[in-house]
Amino acid sequence: NSVRKINRSAQNWHQLENLSNFIK
């Protein structure tokens, strides 16, 4: 539960949000 939301969309801002959540 370190990353509560994982975006599986192909849009760029969704992918960047996943990377930002991973870094946090």
PDB file of all heavy atoms in Angstrom:
ATOM      1  N   ASN A   1       0.815  -1.215   0.000  1.00  0.00           N
ATOM      2  CA  ASN A   1       0.000   0.000   0.000  1.00  0.00           C
ATOM      3  C   ASN A   1       0.857   1.277   0.000  1.00  0.00           C
ATOM      4  O   ASN A   1       0.398   2.336   0.437  1.00  0.00           O
ATOM      5  CB  ASN A   1      -0.953   0.025   1.195  1.00  0.00           C
ATOM      6  CG  ASN A   1      -1.939  -1.136   1.170  1.00  0.00           C
ATOM      7  OD1 ASN A   1      -2.390  -1.552   0.093  1.00  0.00           O
ATOM      8  ND2 ASN A   1      -2.282  -1.663   2.338  1.00  0.00           N
ATOM      9  N   SER A   2       2.066   1.176  -0.479  1.00  0.00           N
ATOM     10  CA  SER A   2       2.877   2.395  -0.602  1.00  0.00           C
ATOM     11  C   SER A   2       2.412   3.245  -1.770  1.00  0.00           C
ATOM     12  O   SER A   2       2.507   4.476  -1.725  1.00  0.00           O
ATOM     13  CB  SER A   2       4.356   2.028  -0.777  1.00  0.00           C
ATOM     14  OG  SER A   2       4.527   1.213  -1.928  1.00  0.00           O
ATOM     15  N   VAL A   3       1.881   2.622  -2.844  1.00  0.00           N
ATOM     16  CA  VAL A   3       1.281   3.338  -3.974  1.00  0.00           C
ATOM     17  C   VAL A   3      -0.189   2.913  -4.033  1.00  0.00           C
ATOM     18  O   VAL A   3      -0.512   1.792  -4.456  1.00  0.00           O
ATOM     19  CB  VAL A   3       2.001   3.023  -5.296  1.00  0.00           C
ATOM     20  CG1 VAL A   3       1.358   3.797  -6.454  1.00  0.00           C
ATOM     21  CG2 VAL A   3       3.478   3.363  -5.203  1.00  0.00           C
ATOM     22  N   ARG A   4      -1.076   3.795  -3.625  1.00  0.00           N
ATOM     23  CA  ARG A   4      -2.483   3.433  -3.509  1.00  0.00           C
ATOM     24  C   ARG A   4      -3.196   3.432  -4.863  1.00  0.00           C
ATOM     25  O   ARG A   4      -4.176   2.688  -5.062  1.00  0.00           O
ATOM     26  CB  ARG A   4      -3.178   4.391  -2.557  1.00  0.00           C
ATOM     27  CG  ARG A   4      -2.617   4.336  -1.133  1.00  0.00           C
ATOM     28  CD  ARG A   4      -3.385   5.239  -0.206  1.00  0.00           C
ATOM     29  NE  ARG A   4      -2.859   5.166   1.150  1.00  0.00           N
ATOM     30  CZ  ARG A   4      -3.225   4.254   2.052  1.00  0.00           C
ATOM     31  NH1 ARG A   4      -4.135   3.348   1.730  1.00  0.00           N
ATOM     32  NH2 ARG A   4      -2.692   4.268   3.257  1.00  0.00           N
ATOM     33  N   LYS A   5      -2.759   4.241  -5.794  1.00  0.00           N
ATOM     34  CA  LYS A   5      -3.442   4.335  -7.082  1.00  0.00           C
ATOM     35  C   LYS A   5      -2.431   4.133  -8.193  1.00  0.00           C
ATOM     36  O   LYS A   5      -1.396   4.800  -8.240  1.00  0.00           O
ATOM     37  CB  LYS A   5      -4.122   5.693  -7.220  1.00  0.00           C
ATOM     38  CG  LYS A   5      -4.876   5.862  -8.549  1.00  0.00           C
ATOM     39  CD  LYS A   5      -5.493   7.242  -8.646  1.00  0.00           C
ATOM     40  CE  LYS A   5      -6.198   7.447  -9.973  1.00  0.00           C
ATOM     41  NZ  LYS A   5      -6.806   8.799 -10.115  1.00  0.00           N
ATOM     42  N   ILE A   6      -2.729   3.206  -9.088  1.00  0.00           N
ATOM     43  CA  ILE A   6      -1.870   2.933 -10.232  1.00  0.00           C
ATOM     44  C   ILE A   6      -2.693   3.198 -11.493  1.00  0.00           C
ATOM     45  O   ILE A   6      -3.721   2.555 -11.742  1.00  0.00           O
ATOM     46  CB  ILE A   6      -1.362   1.480 -10.231  1.00  0.00           C
ATOM     47  CG1 ILE A   6      -0.566   1.196  -8.965  1.00  0.00           C
ATOM     48  CG2 ILE A   6      -0.510   1.214 -11.469  1.00  0.00           C
ATOM     49  CD1 ILE A   6      -0.084  -0.249  -8.856  1.00  0.00           C
ATOM     50  N   ASN A   7      -2.230   4.145 -12.278  1.00  0.00           N
ATOM     51  CA  ASN A   7      -2.913   4.501 -13.521  1.00  0.00           C
ATOM     52  C   ASN A   7      -2.435   3.597 -14.643  1.00  0.00           C
ATOM     53  O   ASN A   7      -1.243   3.534 -14.925  1.00  0.00           O
ATOM     54  CB  ASN A   7      -2.657   5.968 -13.895  1.00  0.00           C
ATOM     55  CG  ASN A   7      -3.154   6.935 -12.840  1.00  0.00           C
ATOM     56  OD1 ASN A   7      -4.279   6.821 -12.368  1.00  0.00           O
ATOM     57  ND2 ASN A   7      -2.315   7.903 -12.483  1.00  0.00           N
ATOM     58  N   ARG A   8      -3.396   2.943 -15.306  1.00  0.00           N
ATOM     59  CA  ARG A   8      -3.057   2.047 -16.412  1.00  0.00           C
ATOM     60  C   ARG A   8      -3.445   2.660 -17.755  1.00  0.00           C
ATOM     61  O   ARG A   8      -3.578   1.958 -18.759  1.00  0.00           O
ATOM     62  CB  ARG A   8      -3.748   0.705 -16.223  1.00  0.00           C
ATOM     63  CG  ARG A   8      -3.352   0.051 -14.895  1.00  0.00           C
ATOM     64  CD  ARG A   8      -3.949  -1.323 -14.722  1.00  0.00           C
ATOM     65  NE  ARG A   8      -3.597  -1.871 -13.416  1.00  0.00           N
ATOM     66  CZ  ARG A   8      -2.486  -2.536 -13.151  1.00  0.00           C
ATOM     67  NH1 ARG A   8      -1.599  -2.734 -14.127  1.00  0.00           N
ATOM     68  NH2 ARG A   8      -2.257  -2.996 -11.941  1.00  0.00           N
ATOM     69  N   SER A   9      -3.563   3.948 -17.773  1.00  0.00           N
ATOM     70  CA  SER A   9      -3.911   4.654 -18.991  1.00  0.00           C
ATOM     71  C   SER A   9      -2.647   4.870 -19.821  1.00  0.00           C
ATOM     72  O   SER A   9      -1.519   4.888 -19.317  1.00  0.00           O
ATOM     73  CB  SER A   9      -4.577   5.988 -18.659  1.00  0.00           C
ATOM     74  OG  SER A   9      -4.794   6.744 -19.841  1.00  0.00           O
ATOM     75  N   ALA A  10      -2.873   5.071 -21.133  1.00  0.00           N
ATOM     76  CA  ALA A  10      -1.766   5.327 -22.052  1.00  0.00           C
ATOM     77  C   ALA A  10      -1.450   6.800 -22.172  1.00  0.00           C
ATOM     78  O   ALA A  10      -0.535   7.175 -22.934  1.00  0.00           O
ATOM     79  CB  ALA A  10      -2.068   4.751 -23.425  1.00  0.00           C
ATOM     80  N   GLN A  11      -2.160   7.646 -21.487  1.00  0.00           N
ATOM     81  CA  GLN A  11      -1.892   9.067 -21.565  1.00  0.00           C
ATOM     82  C   GLN A  11      -0.611   9.416 -20.803  1.00  0.00           C
ATOM     83  O   GLN A  11      -0.277   8.795 -19.797  1.00  0.00           O
ATOM     84  CB  GLN A  11      -3.078   9.855 -20.986  1.00  0.00           C
ATOM     85  CG  GLN A  11      -4.363   9.686 -21.784  1.00  0.00           C
ATOM     86  CD  GLN A  11      -5.501  10.506 -21.226  1.00  0.00           C
ATOM     87  OE1 GLN A  11      -5.327  11.255 -20.253  1.00  0.00           O
ATOM     88  NE2 GLN A  11      -6.669  10.404 -21.855  1.00  0.00           N
ATOM     89  N   ASN A  12       0.059  10.432 -21.327  1.00  0.00           N
ATOM     90  CA  ASN A  12       1.377  10.772 -20.775  1.00  0.00           C
ATOM     91  C   ASN A  12       1.283  11.258 -19.330  1.00  0.00           C
ATOM     92  O   ASN A  12       2.098  10.894 -18.492  1.00  0.00           O
ATOM     93  CB  ASN A  12       2.035  11.851 -21.638  1.00  0.00           C
ATOM     94  CG  ASN A  12       2.397  11.335 -23.019  1.00  0.00           C
ATOM     95  OD1 ASN A  12       2.506  10.121 -23.237  1.00  0.00           O
ATOM     96  ND2 ASN A  12       2.573  12.244 -23.961  1.00  0.00           N
ATOM     97  N   TRP A  13       0.309  12.100 -19.013  1.00  0.00           N
ATOM     98  CA  TRP A  13       0.253  12.639 -17.658  1.00  0.00           C
ATOM     99  C   TRP A  13      -0.090  11.573 -16.644  1.00  0.00           C
ATOM    100  O   TRP A  13       0.312  11.653 -15.490  1.00  0.00           O
ATOM    101  CB  TRP A  13      -0.720  13.812 -17.598  1.00  0.00           C
ATOM    102  CG  TRP A  13      -2.163  13.450 -17.862  1.00  0.00           C
ATOM    103  CD1 TRP A  13      -2.792  13.337 -19.061  1.00  0.00           C
ATOM    104  CD2 TRP A  13      -3.141  13.191 -16.863  1.00  0.00           C
ATOM    105  NE1 TRP A  13      -4.101  12.999 -18.903  1.00  0.00           N
ATOM    106  CE2 TRP A  13      -4.347  12.912 -17.542  1.00  0.00           C
ATOM    107  CE3 TRP A  13      -3.132  13.148 -15.475  1.00  0.00           C
ATOM    108  CZ2 TRP A  13      -5.543  12.598 -16.884  1.00  0.00           C
ATOM    109  CZ3 TRP A  13      -4.311  12.846 -14.816  1.00  0.00           C
ATOM    110  CH2 TRP A  13      -5.508  12.571 -15.504  1.00  0.00           C
ATOM    111  N   HIS A  14      -0.820  10.498 -17.058  1.00  0.00           N
ATOM    112  CA  HIS A  14      -1.082   9.371 -16.164  1.00  0.00           C
ATOM    113  C   HIS A  14       0.208   8.585 -15.902  1.00  0.00           C
ATOM    114  O   HIS A  14       0.466   8.155 -14.763  1.00  0.00           O
ATOM    115  CB  HIS A  14      -2.152   8.459 -16.770  1.00  0.00           C
ATOM    116  CG  HIS A  14      -3.547   8.973 -16.602  1.00  0.00           C
ATOM    117  ND1 HIS A  14      -4.580   8.602 -17.443  1.00  0.00           N
ATOM    118  CD2 HIS A  14      -4.091   9.838 -15.705  1.00  0.00           C
ATOM    119  CE1 HIS A  14      -5.703   9.212 -17.066  1.00  0.00           C
ATOM    120  NE2 HIS A  14      -5.410   9.966 -16.007  1.00  0.00           N
ATOM    121  N   GLN A  15       0.986   8.406 -16.927  1.00  0.00           N
ATOM    122  CA  GLN A  15       2.253   7.685 -16.761  1.00  0.00           C
ATOM    123  C   GLN A  15       3.232   8.488 -15.894  1.00  0.00           C
ATOM    124  O   GLN A  15       3.935   7.927 -15.051  1.00  0.00           O
ATOM    125  CB  GLN A  15       2.854   7.386 -18.130  1.00  0.00           C
ATOM    126  CG  GLN A  15       2.003   6.448 -18.985  1.00  0.00           C
ATOM    127  CD  GLN A  15       2.598   6.207 -20.349  1.00  0.00           C
ATOM    128  OE1 GLN A  15       3.684   6.729 -20.686  1.00  0.00           O
ATOM    129  NE2 GLN A  15       1.903   5.418 -21.180  1.00  0.00           N
ATOM    130  N   LEU A  16       3.268   9.814 -16.111  1.00  0.00           N
ATOM    131  CA  LEU A  16       4.130  10.655 -15.278  1.00  0.00           C
ATOM    132  C   LEU A  16       3.662  10.658 -13.827  1.00  0.00           C
ATOM    133  O   LEU A  16       4.487  10.713 -12.901  1.00  0.00           O
ATOM    134  CB  LEU A  16       4.148  12.081 -15.831  1.00  0.00           C
ATOM    135  CG  LEU A  16       4.903  12.286 -17.154  1.00  0.00           C
ATOM    136  CD1 LEU A  16       4.702  13.704 -17.671  1.00  0.00           C
ATOM    137  CD2 LEU A  16       6.383  12.001 -16.975  1.00  0.00           C
ATOM    138  N   GLU A  17       2.370  10.555 -13.603  1.00  0.00           N
ATOM    139  CA  GLU A  17       1.854  10.487 -12.240  1.00  0.00           C
ATOM    140  C   GLU A  17       2.295   9.180 -11.573  1.00  0.00           C
ATOM    141  O   GLU A  17       2.638   9.171 -10.375  1.00  0.00           O
ATOM    142  CB  GLU A  17       0.335  10.598 -12.251  1.00  0.00           C
ATOM    143  CG  GLU A  17      -0.274  10.634 -10.851  1.00  0.00           C
ATOM    144  CD  GLU A  17      -1.785  10.771 -10.883  1.00  0.00           C
ATOM    145  OE1 GLU A  17      -2.348  10.824 -12.008  1.00  0.00           O
ATOM    146  OE2 GLU A  17      -2.410  10.833  -9.806  1.00  0.00           O
ATOM    147  N   ASN A  18       2.300   8.080 -12.319  1.00  0.00           N
ATOM    148  CA  ASN A  18       2.772   6.812 -11.763  1.00  0.00           C
ATOM    149  C   ASN A  18       4.246   6.898 -11.365  1.00  0.00           C
ATOM    150  O   ASN A  18       4.640   6.415 -10.293  1.00  0.00           O
ATOM    151  CB  ASN A  18       2.571   5.684 -12.781  1.00  0.00           C
ATOM    152  CG  ASN A  18       1.110   5.331 -12.976  1.00  0.00           C
ATOM    153  OD1 ASN A  18       0.271   5.576 -12.092  1.00  0.00           O
ATOM    154  ND2 ASN A  18       0.789   4.772 -14.137  1.00  0.00           N
ATOM    155  N   LEU A  19       5.029   7.518 -12.226  1.00  0.00           N
ATOM    156  CA  LEU A  19       6.450   7.650 -11.909  1.00  0.00           C
ATOM    157  C   LEU A  19       6.658   8.538 -10.685  1.00  0.00           C
ATOM    158  O   LEU A  19       7.520   8.261  -9.835  1.00  0.00           O
ATOM    159  CB  LEU A  19       7.206   8.223 -13.116  1.00  0.00           C
ATOM    160  CG  LEU A  19       7.274   7.317 -14.364  1.00  0.00           C
ATOM    161  CD1 LEU A  19       7.992   8.027 -15.506  1.00  0.00           C
ATOM    162  CD2 LEU A  19       7.987   6.007 -14.037  1.00  0.00           C
ATOM    163  N   SER A  20       5.878   9.615 -10.574  1.00  0.00           N
ATOM    164  CA  SER A  20       6.004  10.492  -9.404  1.00  0.00           C
ATOM    165  C   SER A  20       5.605   9.757  -8.130  1.00  0.00           C
ATOM    166  O   SER A  20       6.256   9.917  -7.081  1.00  0.00           O
ATOM    167  CB  SER A  20       5.123  11.733  -9.597  1.00  0.00           C
ATOM    168  OG  SER A  20       5.548  12.478 -10.728  1.00  0.00           O
ATOM    169  N   ASN A  21       4.548   8.956  -8.171  1.00  0.00           N
ATOM    170  CA  ASN A  21       4.137   8.181  -6.999  1.00  0.00           C
ATOM    171  C   ASN A  21       5.202   7.141  -6.623  1.00  0.00           C
ATOM    172  O   ASN A  21       5.432   6.883  -5.438  1.00  0.00           O
ATOM    173  CB  ASN A  21       2.799   7.501  -7.270  1.00  0.00           C
ATOM    174  CG  ASN A  21       1.659   8.497  -7.416  1.00  0.00           C
ATOM    175  OD1 ASN A  21       1.711   9.601  -6.854  1.00  0.00           O
ATOM    176  ND2 ASN A  21       0.639   8.130  -8.182  1.00  0.00           N
ATOM    177  N   PHE A  22       5.832   6.575  -7.648  1.00  0.00           N
ATOM    178  CA  PHE A  22       6.897   5.595  -7.367  1.00  0.00           C
ATOM    179  C   PHE A  22       8.078   6.259  -6.677  1.00  0.00           C
ATOM    180  O   PHE A  22       8.653   5.714  -5.724  1.00  0.00           O
ATOM    181  CB  PHE A  22       7.322   4.936  -8.688  1.00  0.00           C
ATOM    182  CG  PHE A  22       8.549   4.079  -8.549  1.00  0.00           C
ATOM    183  CD1 PHE A  22       8.499   2.855  -7.895  1.00  0.00           C
ATOM    184  CD2 PHE A  22       9.768   4.496  -9.088  1.00  0.00           C
ATOM    185  CE1 PHE A  22       9.630   2.058  -7.780  1.00  0.00           C
ATOM    186  CE2 PHE A  22      10.899   3.723  -8.969  1.00  0.00           C
ATOM    187  CZ  PHE A  22      10.839   2.494  -8.313  1.00  0.00           C
ATOM    188  N   ILE A  23       8.448   7.456  -7.114  1.00  0.00           N
ATOM    189  CA  ILE A  23       9.581   8.169  -6.507  1.00  0.00           C
ATOM    190  C   ILE A  23       9.252   8.548  -5.067  1.00  0.00           C
ATOM    191  O   ILE A  23      10.103   8.428  -4.169  1.00  0.00           O
ATOM    192  CB  ILE A  23       9.936   9.407  -7.359  1.00  0.00           C
ATOM    193  CG1 ILE A  23      10.437   8.978  -8.742  1.00  0.00           C
ATOM    194  CG2 ILE A  23      10.991  10.261  -6.650  1.00  0.00           C
ATOM    195  CD1 ILE A  23      10.633  10.125  -9.711  1.00  0.00           C
ATOM    196  N   LYS A  24       8.012   9.004  -4.800  1.00  0.00           N
ATOM    197  CA  LYS A  24       7.619   9.326  -3.433  1.00  0.00           C
ATOM    198  C   LYS A  24       7.629   8.081  -2.549  1.00  0.00           C
ATOM    199  O   LYS A  24       8.004   8.147  -1.370  1.00  0.00           O
ATOM    200  CB  LYS A  24       6.229   9.961  -3.431  1.00  0.00           C
ATOM    201  CG  LYS A  24       6.171  11.328  -4.113  1.00  0.00           C
ATOM    202  CD  LYS A  24       4.761  11.877  -4.100  1.00  0.00           C
ATOM    203  CE  LYS A  24       4.690  13.228  -4.806  1.00  0.00           C
ATOM    204  NZ  LYS A  24       3.290  13.765  -4.831  1.00  0.00           N
TER     205      LYS A  24
END
